[in-house]
Amino acid sequence: MTEIARAHSERGDLLLRRREDGALELRVNGVFVMDDVETSSEELLASAALASVRRPERVLVGGLGLGYTVRALLRDVRLGAVVVAEIEPELVAWMRAGLVPSVLDDPRVSVAVGDVRAVIAAADEASYDAILLDVDNGPDFLVYNENSAIYSADFLIVCRERLRAGGVLTVWSSSESPALARAVEVVFGACQVTPVPVRLQGREELYYVYQGAT
């Protein structure tokens, strides 16, 4: 393993490293977050959201990661603007410095450094066509314990209020979450669950995408 960058924030340690297999990997407090080998779930998160909105003029992504969700969004010529909410400023700095392939030089992209809950709460009502949440490994495998509130009905209501008519909330999870499905259904009236088969470090896994529409 080769350490590329390390930072410490009030939430703990961030580590960017190059594995022996050549993969770029991001860990937070020792917990695997993502790598650049298996990115299909991040790309599906973007494609699922884009397929569900007629005109994606303004989109919010919760969580920068290694940029693959944003990169997939940017391939859609219909996309007007994407706001990325990222709580860790060092992760943004690493991308700007070129330690991670950047998506931030596209003029359609802007970054709001802060908790995604605060960023969404501060937005005007009916200001987004899509909100994509990819800030943890799902509600059962949190990067930060405080993120549990992101998957609650109370916060999902705020997300619904920030979506325009015909807007879509899309949430990524590394495990099946009946509680999240129920919360989305309660707030949006229905929840679409899409299983995503992936191969992660030699293992067959099944990830999930949850969606609610206004």
Protein backbone atom coordinates (compact mmCIF):
# COMPACT_ATOMS: atom_id res chain seq x y z
CA MET A 1 0.00 0.00 0.00
CA THR A 2 1.16 3.54 -0.77
CA GLU A 3 -0.25 6.45 1.19
CA ILE A 4 -1.03 9.35 -1.13
CA ALA A 5 -2.60 11.77 1.33
CA ARG A 6 -3.90 11.82 4.87
CA ALA A 7 -5.90 14.43 6.76
CA HIS A 8 -7.57 14.81 10.12
CA SER A 9 -10.81 16.70 10.66
CA GLU A 10 -13.11 17.08 13.64
CA ARG A 11 -14.85 13.93 12.39
CA GLY A 12 -11.70 11.81 12.24
CA ASP A 13 -9.10 10.59 9.75
CA LEU A 14 -9.25 10.59 5.95
CA LEU A 15 -6.85 8.42 3.99
CA LEU A 16 -6.23 8.30 0.26
CA ARG A 17 -4.01 5.39 -0.73
CA ARG A 18 -2.87 3.32 -3.69
CA ARG A 19 -3.42 -0.40 -3.13
CA GLU A 20 -1.09 -3.13 -4.31
CA ASP A 21 -3.55 -3.92 -7.14
CA GLY A 22 -3.13 -0.35 -8.38
CA ALA A 23 -6.53 0.88 -7.22
CA LEU A 24 -7.01 4.30 -5.68
CA GLU A 25 -8.90 3.87 -2.41
CA LEU A 26 -10.59 6.27 0.00
CA ARG A 27 -11.02 5.39 3.69
CA VAL A 28 -12.57 7.40 6.51
CA ASN A 29 -11.73 6.43 10.09
CA GLY A 30 -10.41 3.14 8.76
CA VAL A 31 -13.68 2.34 6.99
CA PHE A 32 -13.59 1.59 3.26
CA VAL A 33 -15.63 4.21 1.40
CA MET A 34 -14.83 3.55 -2.25
CA ASP A 35 -12.16 2.83 -4.84
CA ASP A 36 -11.75 3.48 -8.55
CA VAL A 37 -12.07 -0.18 -9.60
CA GLU A 38 -15.77 -0.84 -9.04
CA THR A 39 -17.65 2.36 -9.83
CA SER A 40 -20.82 0.94 -11.39
CA SER A 41 -22.98 1.72 -8.35
CA GLU A 42 -21.91 5.39 -8.38
CA GLU A 43 -22.59 5.56 -12.11
CA LEU A 44 -25.95 3.84 -11.70
CA LEU A 45 -26.88 6.34 -9.00
CA ALA A 46 -26.39 9.08 -11.58
CA SER A 47 -28.06 7.27 -14.46
CA ALA A 48 -31.07 6.28 -12.33
CA ALA A 49 -31.59 9.90 -11.32
CA LEU A 50 -31.13 11.22 -14.86
CA ALA A 51 -33.51 8.65 -16.30
CA SER A 52 -36.20 9.78 -13.88
CA VAL A 53 -36.18 13.53 -14.57
CA ARG A 54 -37.24 15.21 -17.77
CA ARG A 55 -35.00 18.27 -17.55
CA PRO A 56 -32.07 18.01 -15.08
CA GLU A 57 -31.39 21.73 -14.99
CA ARG A 58 -30.13 21.75 -11.41
CA VAL A 59 -28.94 18.71 -9.47
CA LEU A 60 -27.45 18.28 -6.00
CA VAL A 61 -25.06 15.47 -5.09
CA GLY A 62 -24.40 14.70 -1.45
CA GLY A 63 -20.83 13.38 -1.22
CA LEU A 64 -17.91 14.02 -3.57
CA GLY A 65 -16.04 10.76 -3.00
CA LEU A 66 -13.69 10.10 -5.91
CA GLY A 67 -16.01 11.97 -8.26
CA TYR A 68 -17.60 9.11 -10.18
CA THR A 69 -21.22 10.06 -9.53
CA VAL A 70 -20.55 13.63 -10.66
CA ARG A 71 -18.52 12.40 -13.65
CA ALA A 72 -21.44 10.24 -14.79
CA LEU A 73 -23.86 13.17 -14.44
CA LEU A 74 -21.62 15.39 -16.53
CA ARG A 75 -21.81 12.98 -19.48
CA ASP A 76 -25.47 13.97 -19.91
CA VAL A 77 -25.61 17.00 -22.22
CA ARG A 78 -28.98 17.96 -20.70
CA LEU A 79 -27.39 18.70 -17.34
CA GLY A 80 -27.49 22.36 -16.44
CA ALA A 81 -25.66 22.61 -13.13
CA VAL A 82 -24.60 20.29 -10.34
CA VAL A 83 -23.94 21.34 -6.77
CA VAL A 84 -21.75 18.98 -4.76
CA ALA A 85 -22.13 19.03 -0.97
CA GLU A 86 -18.95 17.68 0.66
CA ILE A 87 -18.32 17.89 4.37
CA GLU A 88 -14.55 17.32 4.21
CA PRO A 89 -12.65 20.30 2.74
CA GLU A 90 -9.46 18.24 2.41
CA LEU A 91 -11.18 15.84 0.02
CA VAL A 92 -12.08 18.79 -2.19
CA ALA A 93 -8.51 20.10 -1.90
CA TRP A 94 -7.06 16.72 -2.93
CA MET A 95 -9.16 16.75 -6.07
CA ARG A 96 -8.25 20.34 -6.89
CA ALA A 97 -4.57 19.42 -6.41
CA GLY A 98 -4.84 16.53 -8.87
CA LEU A 99 -4.37 13.72 -6.33
CA VAL A 100 -7.78 12.48 -7.50
CA PRO A 101 -8.88 12.90 -11.14
CA SER A 102 -10.90 16.12 -11.01
CA VAL A 103 -14.49 16.80 -11.98
CA LEU A 104 -14.33 20.29 -10.51
CA ASP A 105 -12.95 22.06 -13.58
CA ASP A 106 -16.24 21.64 -15.44
CA PRO A 107 -18.09 24.99 -15.37
CA ARG A 108 -21.34 23.21 -14.53
CA VAL A 109 -19.93 22.04 -11.18
CA SER A 110 -19.88 24.01 -7.95
CA VAL A 111 -18.93 22.79 -4.48
CA ALA A 112 -20.61 23.61 -1.19
CA VAL A 113 -18.27 22.56 1.62
CA GLY A 114 -20.47 21.50 4.51
CA ASP A 115 -22.87 18.92 5.88
CA VAL A 116 -25.32 17.89 3.16
CA ARG A 117 -28.18 18.36 5.61
CA ALA A 118 -27.26 22.00 6.11
CA VAL A 119 -26.66 22.58 2.40
CA ILE A 120 -30.06 21.18 1.46
CA ALA A 121 -31.84 22.95 4.32
CA ALA A 122 -30.35 26.28 3.21
CA ALA A 123 -31.58 25.87 -0.37
CA ASP A 124 -34.76 27.48 -1.61
CA GLU A 125 -37.86 25.33 -1.90
CA ALA A 126 -38.37 23.71 -5.30
CA SER A 127 -34.80 24.54 -6.37
CA TYR A 128 -33.55 21.13 -7.58
CA ASP A 129 -34.65 18.65 -10.19
CA ALA A 130 -32.75 15.82 -8.51
CA ILE A 131 -31.02 15.15 -5.20
CA LEU A 132 -28.54 12.27 -5.04
CA LEU A 133 -27.28 11.07 -1.66
CA ASP A 134 -24.06 9.02 -1.55
CA VAL A 135 -22.48 10.06 1.73
CA ASP A 136 -22.11 6.68 3.47
CA ASN A 137 -22.09 2.99 2.68
CA GLY A 138 -25.80 3.27 3.34
CA PRO A 139 -27.91 3.77 6.48
CA ASP A 140 -26.54 0.59 8.11
CA PHE A 141 -22.83 1.35 7.46
CA LEU A 142 -22.34 5.00 8.32
CA VAL A 143 -19.13 6.91 7.70
CA TYR A 144 -20.13 9.24 10.56
CA ASN A 145 -22.72 8.29 13.19
CA GLU A 146 -24.40 11.69 12.83
CA ASN A 147 -25.32 10.75 9.26
CA SER A 148 -28.10 8.50 10.54
CA ALA A 149 -30.35 11.57 10.39
CA ILE A 150 -29.90 11.71 6.61
CA TYR A 151 -32.02 8.58 6.23
CA SER A 152 -34.82 9.72 8.53
CA ALA A 153 -38.26 10.79 7.37
CA ASP A 154 -37.66 14.27 8.83
CA PHE A 155 -34.73 14.94 6.51
CA LEU A 156 -36.38 13.23 3.55
CA ILE A 157 -39.26 15.70 3.96
CA VAL A 158 -36.76 18.57 3.62
CA CYS A 159 -35.39 16.92 0.46
CA ARG A 160 -38.90 16.61 -0.98
CA GLU A 161 -39.56 20.29 -0.32
CA ARG A 162 -36.36 21.25 -2.16
CA LEU A 163 -37.35 19.26 -5.24
CA ARG A 164 -39.31 20.76 -8.09
CA ALA A 165 -42.44 19.07 -9.44
CA GLY A 166 -41.28 15.92 -11.18
CA GLY A 167 -38.07 15.88 -9.16
CA VAL A 168 -36.42 12.73 -7.84
CA LEU A 169 -34.52 11.78 -4.70
CA THR A 170 -32.01 8.96 -5.26
CA VAL A 171 -30.16 7.30 -2.36
CA TRP A 172 -27.31 4.74 -2.59
CA SER A 173 -26.82 1.93 -0.07
CA SER A 174 -24.39 -0.96 0.16
CA SER A 175 -27.05 -3.11 1.81
CA GLU A 176 -30.78 -3.63 1.61
CA SER A 177 -32.58 -1.30 4.01
CA PRO A 178 -36.30 -1.91 4.60
CA ALA A 179 -36.29 1.03 7.03
CA LEU A 180 -35.05 3.41 4.34
CA ALA A 181 -37.56 2.04 1.85
CA ARG A 182 -40.37 2.65 4.35
CA ALA A 183 -39.17 6.19 5.09
CA VAL A 184 -39.00 7.07 1.38
CA GLU A 185 -42.45 5.56 0.83
CA VAL A 186 -43.93 7.51 3.74
CA VAL A 187 -42.52 10.82 2.51
CA PHE A 188 -42.91 10.38 -1.27
CA GLY A 189 -45.85 7.97 -1.46
CA ALA A 190 -43.79 5.25 -3.14
CA CYS A 191 -40.23 3.94 -3.19
CA GLN A 192 -38.50 2.33 -6.15
CA VAL A 193 -35.71 -0.06 -5.11
CA THR A 194 -33.10 -1.12 -7.68
CA PRO A 195 -30.58 -3.87 -6.77
CA VAL A 196 -27.15 -3.40 -8.36
CA PRO A 197 -24.85 -6.46 -8.67
CA VAL A 198 -21.16 -5.51 -8.37
CA ARG A 199 -17.83 -7.27 -7.96
CA LEU A 200 -15.86 -5.71 -5.10
CA GLN A 201 -12.27 -6.81 -4.49
CA GLY A 202 -12.98 -10.28 -5.85
CA ARG A 203 -16.34 -10.69 -4.09
CA GLU A 204 -19.80 -10.65 -5.60
CA GLU A 205 -21.91 -8.03 -3.82
CA LEU A 206 -25.36 -6.55 -4.21
CA TYR A 207 -25.86 -2.82 -3.70
CA TYR A 208 -29.13 -0.88 -3.77
CA VAL A 209 -30.54 2.39 -5.10
CA TYR A 210 -33.67 3.87 -3.48
CA GLN A 211 -35.79 6.50 -5.23
CA GLY A 212 -38.74 8.69 -4.42
CA ALA A 213 -40.35 11.15 -6.85
CA THR A 214 -42.44 14.30 -6.36
